[in-house]
Amino acid sequence: MKKNIAVILSGCGNKDGSEITEAVSTLMALAKEGAHYVCFAPDQNFTAVDYLQNASIENRNAMKEAARIARSEIRPLQKLDPQKFDGVVFVGGAGAVKNLSDWAHKGAKCTVLPEVEYIIESFHEEGKPIAAMCIAPTLVARVLGRHGVSVTVGEAGEDAQEIEKTGAIHEVCPPEEYVSDRDHKVLSTPAYMYDSTAFEVFTGISKMIKEFVEMA
């Protein structure tokens, strides 16, 4: 029986939404493992970035932008029912810390979107696996840090220090590998937290998703 997996996106593009290589790697890896997936994103506006000038431009809708990655097959995050899924994956990119939370500005003291917090809490309480990549493990740390979950964002830098302020444990990890907290069913991989190649990112995500689907 195919596992049903929710994939959480936050826009389209590494500077203001979901990192595209990470998103595509996730979808490919899930398909390879024989899982069925449904993409979700918040139906809300955010300040977009001009990728050539690296400057803020007009407001855009996160779900409409994420639909570019999902080939239009996307649903509002607010309608995700945890009971209908066997696991959830959070794709990285700046949108995770700008659109799904305000970690980019407040670190460990950030506020996570209520629907994101509900999703993470629900999957954890049901013993269903949660996977996150790049900067997205900060979401898991902020919500589940009090349980002492282990995650990684790669090196032991500023974000790692902020993660440990939540009560979570940070583990150093290269981009082509991943960290598996089997007790809490939380998996994470650094992806583009390093100056990684696309293949290193794909390798780390593929390894993580393989165990993630087995857990589900």
Protein backbone atom coordinates (compact mmCIF):
# COMPACT_ATOMS: atom_id res chain seq x y z
CA MET A 1 0.00 0.00 0.00
CA LYS A 2 1.40 3.40 -1.00
CA LYS A 3 2.25 5.81 1.77
CA ASN A 4 0.48 9.16 1.56
CA ILE A 5 2.90 12.03 2.23
CA ALA A 6 2.25 15.75 2.71
CA VAL A 7 4.95 18.02 1.25
CA ILE A 8 5.04 21.56 2.62
CA LEU A 9 6.21 24.35 0.30
CA SER A 10 6.48 28.07 1.06
CA GLY A 11 6.77 29.72 -2.36
CA CYS A 12 9.10 29.24 -5.33
CA GLY A 13 12.79 30.06 -5.06
CA ASN A 14 15.50 29.89 -2.41
CA LYS A 15 15.49 33.58 -1.45
CA ASP A 16 11.80 34.01 -0.65
CA GLY A 17 10.14 30.59 -0.92
CA SER A 18 11.00 26.91 -1.33
CA GLU A 19 14.40 25.99 -2.76
CA ILE A 20 13.59 24.46 -6.14
CA THR A 21 16.31 21.80 -6.31
CA GLU A 22 15.38 20.63 -2.81
CA ALA A 23 11.69 20.53 -3.70
CA VAL A 24 12.21 18.61 -6.93
CA SER A 25 14.67 16.23 -5.23
CA THR A 26 12.06 15.53 -2.56
CA LEU A 27 9.31 14.79 -5.07
CA MET A 28 11.60 12.56 -7.13
CA ALA A 29 12.81 10.67 -4.06
CA LEU A 30 9.25 10.11 -2.81
CA ALA A 31 8.21 8.81 -6.22
CA LYS A 32 11.24 6.51 -6.33
CA GLU A 33 10.24 5.04 -2.96
CA GLY A 34 6.73 4.39 -4.25
CA ALA A 35 5.01 7.02 -2.09
CA HIS A 36 2.08 9.19 -3.10
CA TYR A 37 2.46 12.87 -2.22
CA VAL A 38 0.31 15.99 -2.02
CA CYS A 39 1.85 19.48 -1.96
CA PHE A 40 0.61 22.22 0.35
CA ALA A 41 1.52 25.88 0.87
CA PRO A 42 0.06 28.77 2.86
CA ASP A 43 -2.54 30.78 0.98
CA GLN A 44 -1.05 34.10 2.04
CA ASN A 45 0.94 36.97 0.59
CA PHE A 46 4.61 37.64 1.19
CA THR A 47 7.23 40.12 0.00
CA ALA A 48 8.92 38.68 -3.08
CA VAL A 49 12.56 39.13 -4.11
CA ASP A 50 14.06 40.23 -7.44
CA TYR A 51 16.64 37.46 -7.90
CA LEU A 52 18.84 39.53 -10.20
CA GLN A 53 18.93 42.67 -8.07
CA ASN A 54 18.50 40.85 -4.73
CA ALA A 55 15.95 43.46 -3.70
CA SER A 56 12.37 43.31 -2.43
CA ILE A 57 9.65 43.76 -5.01
CA GLU A 58 5.86 43.34 -5.01
CA ASN A 59 3.83 41.06 -2.77
CA ARG A 60 3.01 37.61 -4.12
CA ASN A 61 0.93 34.66 -2.93
CA ALA A 62 2.95 31.77 -1.49
CA MET A 63 0.54 29.07 -2.70
CA LYS A 64 0.36 30.48 -6.22
CA GLU A 65 4.16 30.65 -6.38
CA ALA A 66 4.56 27.12 -5.00
CA ALA A 67 2.11 25.87 -7.62
CA ARG A 68 4.89 26.46 -10.18
CA ILE A 69 6.89 23.66 -8.54
CA ALA A 70 3.89 21.39 -7.99
CA ARG A 71 2.70 21.69 -11.59
CA SER A 72 -0.48 23.40 -10.31
CA GLU A 73 -1.33 20.42 -8.08
CA ILE A 74 -1.30 22.21 -4.73
CA ARG A 75 -3.65 22.75 -1.80
CA PRO A 76 -3.87 25.41 0.90
CA LEU A 77 -1.87 24.54 3.99
CA GLN A 78 -4.86 25.43 6.12
CA LYS A 79 -6.74 22.40 4.71
CA LEU A 80 -4.10 19.76 5.50
CA ASP A 81 -5.69 17.02 7.61
CA PRO A 82 -2.90 15.11 9.44
CA GLN A 83 -5.19 12.09 9.81
CA LYS A 84 -5.08 11.54 6.05
CA PHE A 85 -1.28 11.37 5.77
CA ASP A 86 1.45 8.97 6.89
CA GLY A 87 4.23 11.57 7.12
CA VAL A 88 5.11 15.18 6.37
CA VAL A 89 8.13 16.79 4.68
CA PHE A 90 9.17 20.43 5.01
CA VAL A 91 11.20 21.71 2.06
CA GLY A 92 13.90 24.31 2.76
CA GLY A 93 14.53 27.74 1.33
CA ALA A 94 14.15 31.17 2.93
CA GLY A 95 10.37 30.84 2.80
CA ALA A 96 10.56 28.38 5.70
CA VAL A 97 11.96 31.11 7.96
CA LYS A 98 10.11 34.04 6.40
CA ASN A 99 6.71 32.69 5.30
CA LEU A 100 6.20 29.69 7.60
CA SER A 101 7.81 31.42 10.59
CA ASP A 102 9.80 34.53 11.43
CA TRP A 103 12.92 32.61 12.46
CA ALA A 104 14.94 34.75 10.00
CA HIS A 105 14.40 37.75 12.29
CA LYS A 106 13.87 36.24 15.73
CA GLY A 107 15.68 32.89 15.80
CA ALA A 108 14.71 30.70 18.75
CA LYS A 109 12.14 33.29 19.87
CA CYS A 110 10.28 33.12 16.57
CA THR A 111 6.60 32.50 16.00
CA VAL A 112 5.62 29.61 13.74
CA LEU A 113 2.44 29.82 11.66
CA PRO A 114 -0.37 28.30 13.75
CA GLU A 115 -1.22 25.77 11.03
CA VAL A 116 2.45 24.71 10.77
CA GLU A 117 2.69 24.30 14.54
CA TYR A 118 -0.51 22.26 14.52
CA ILE A 119 0.79 20.01 11.73
CA ILE A 120 4.12 19.35 13.44
CA GLU A 121 2.48 18.71 16.82
CA SER A 122 -0.16 16.42 15.28
CA PHE A 123 2.28 14.24 13.33
CA HIS A 124 4.55 13.98 16.35
CA GLU A 125 1.71 13.01 18.68
CA GLU A 126 0.51 10.37 16.20
CA GLY A 127 4.02 8.90 15.89
CA LYS A 128 4.18 9.77 12.21
CA PRO A 129 7.57 10.78 10.72
CA ILE A 130 8.55 14.39 10.07
CA ALA A 131 11.34 15.24 7.62
CA ALA A 132 12.90 18.65 7.03
CA MET A 133 15.82 19.99 5.03
CA CYS A 134 18.10 23.01 4.77
CA ILE A 135 16.81 25.71 7.18
CA ALA A 136 13.38 24.06 7.64
CA PRO A 137 14.52 21.93 10.64
CA THR A 138 14.31 25.17 12.63
CA LEU A 139 10.52 24.82 12.41
CA VAL A 140 10.69 21.40 14.01
CA ALA A 141 13.13 22.62 16.67
CA ARG A 142 10.91 25.57 17.58
CA VAL A 143 7.79 23.40 17.96
CA LEU A 144 9.29 20.18 19.37
CA GLY A 145 12.46 21.46 21.03
CA ARG A 146 11.03 20.87 24.50
CA HIS A 147 11.00 17.14 23.69
CA GLY A 148 14.76 17.16 23.00
CA VAL A 149 14.50 16.26 19.32
CA SER A 150 17.71 16.00 17.28
CA VAL A 151 18.00 17.92 13.99
CA THR A 152 20.66 19.34 11.71
CA VAL A 153 21.21 22.46 9.64
CA GLY A 154 24.76 21.40 8.79
CA GLU A 155 27.56 23.17 10.60
CA ALA A 156 27.63 24.41 14.20
CA GLY A 157 26.93 28.05 13.32
CA GLU A 158 24.48 30.71 14.49
CA ASP A 159 21.36 28.79 13.46
CA ALA A 160 22.64 25.70 15.25
CA GLN A 161 23.13 27.77 18.42
CA GLU A 162 19.59 29.14 18.12
CA ILE A 163 18.25 25.62 17.61
CA GLU A 164 19.81 24.51 20.90
CA LYS A 165 18.13 27.42 22.67
CA THR A 166 14.79 25.78 21.86
CA GLY A 167 15.82 22.65 23.76
CA ALA A 168 16.49 20.68 20.58
CA ILE A 169 19.83 18.99 19.93
CA HIS A 170 21.84 20.04 16.88
CA GLU A 171 24.08 17.52 15.13
CA VAL A 172 26.75 18.51 12.61
CA CYS A 173 26.13 16.76 9.30
CA PRO A 174 27.48 17.02 5.71
CA PRO A 175 25.05 17.79 2.85
CA GLU A 176 25.09 14.30 1.37
CA GLU A 177 24.05 12.71 4.68
CA TYR A 178 21.18 13.13 7.13
CA VAL A 179 20.34 12.90 10.82
CA SER A 180 17.69 10.44 12.01
CA ASP A 181 16.13 10.87 15.45
CA ARG A 182 14.42 7.50 15.58
CA ASP A 183 12.93 8.05 19.03
CA HIS A 184 10.93 11.05 17.80
CA LYS A 185 10.72 10.02 14.13
CA VAL A 186 12.34 13.27 12.98
CA LEU A 187 14.76 13.29 10.03
CA SER A 188 16.76 16.20 8.64
CA THR A 189 19.47 16.96 6.09
CA PRO A 190 21.49 20.18 5.50
CA ALA A 191 21.06 20.45 1.71
CA TYR A 192 21.98 24.02 0.66
CA MET A 193 23.00 25.15 4.14
CA TYR A 194 26.43 24.39 2.69
CA ASP A 195 27.80 25.60 -0.63
CA SER A 196 26.63 22.26 -1.94
CA THR A 197 26.38 20.84 -5.43
CA ALA A 198 22.94 19.88 -6.71
CA PHE A 199 24.00 16.24 -6.63
CA GLU A 200 25.09 16.43 -2.97
CA VAL A 201 21.71 17.95 -2.12
CA PHE A 202 19.87 15.26 -4.07
CA THR A 203 21.96 12.52 -2.44
CA GLY A 204 21.26 13.69 1.11
CA ILE A 205 17.56 14.15 0.46
CA SER A 206 17.27 10.77 -1.28
CA LYS A 207 18.89 8.95 1.65
CA MET A 208 16.67 10.77 4.13
CA ILE A 209 13.47 10.12 2.19
CA LYS A 210 14.27 6.40 1.90
CA GLU A 211 14.29 5.98 5.69
CA PHE A 212 11.41 8.44 6.06
CA VAL A 213 9.12 6.33 3.85
CA GLU A 214 10.22 3.17 5.70
CA MET A 215 9.28 4.89 8.99
CA ALA A 216 5.90 5.87 7.56
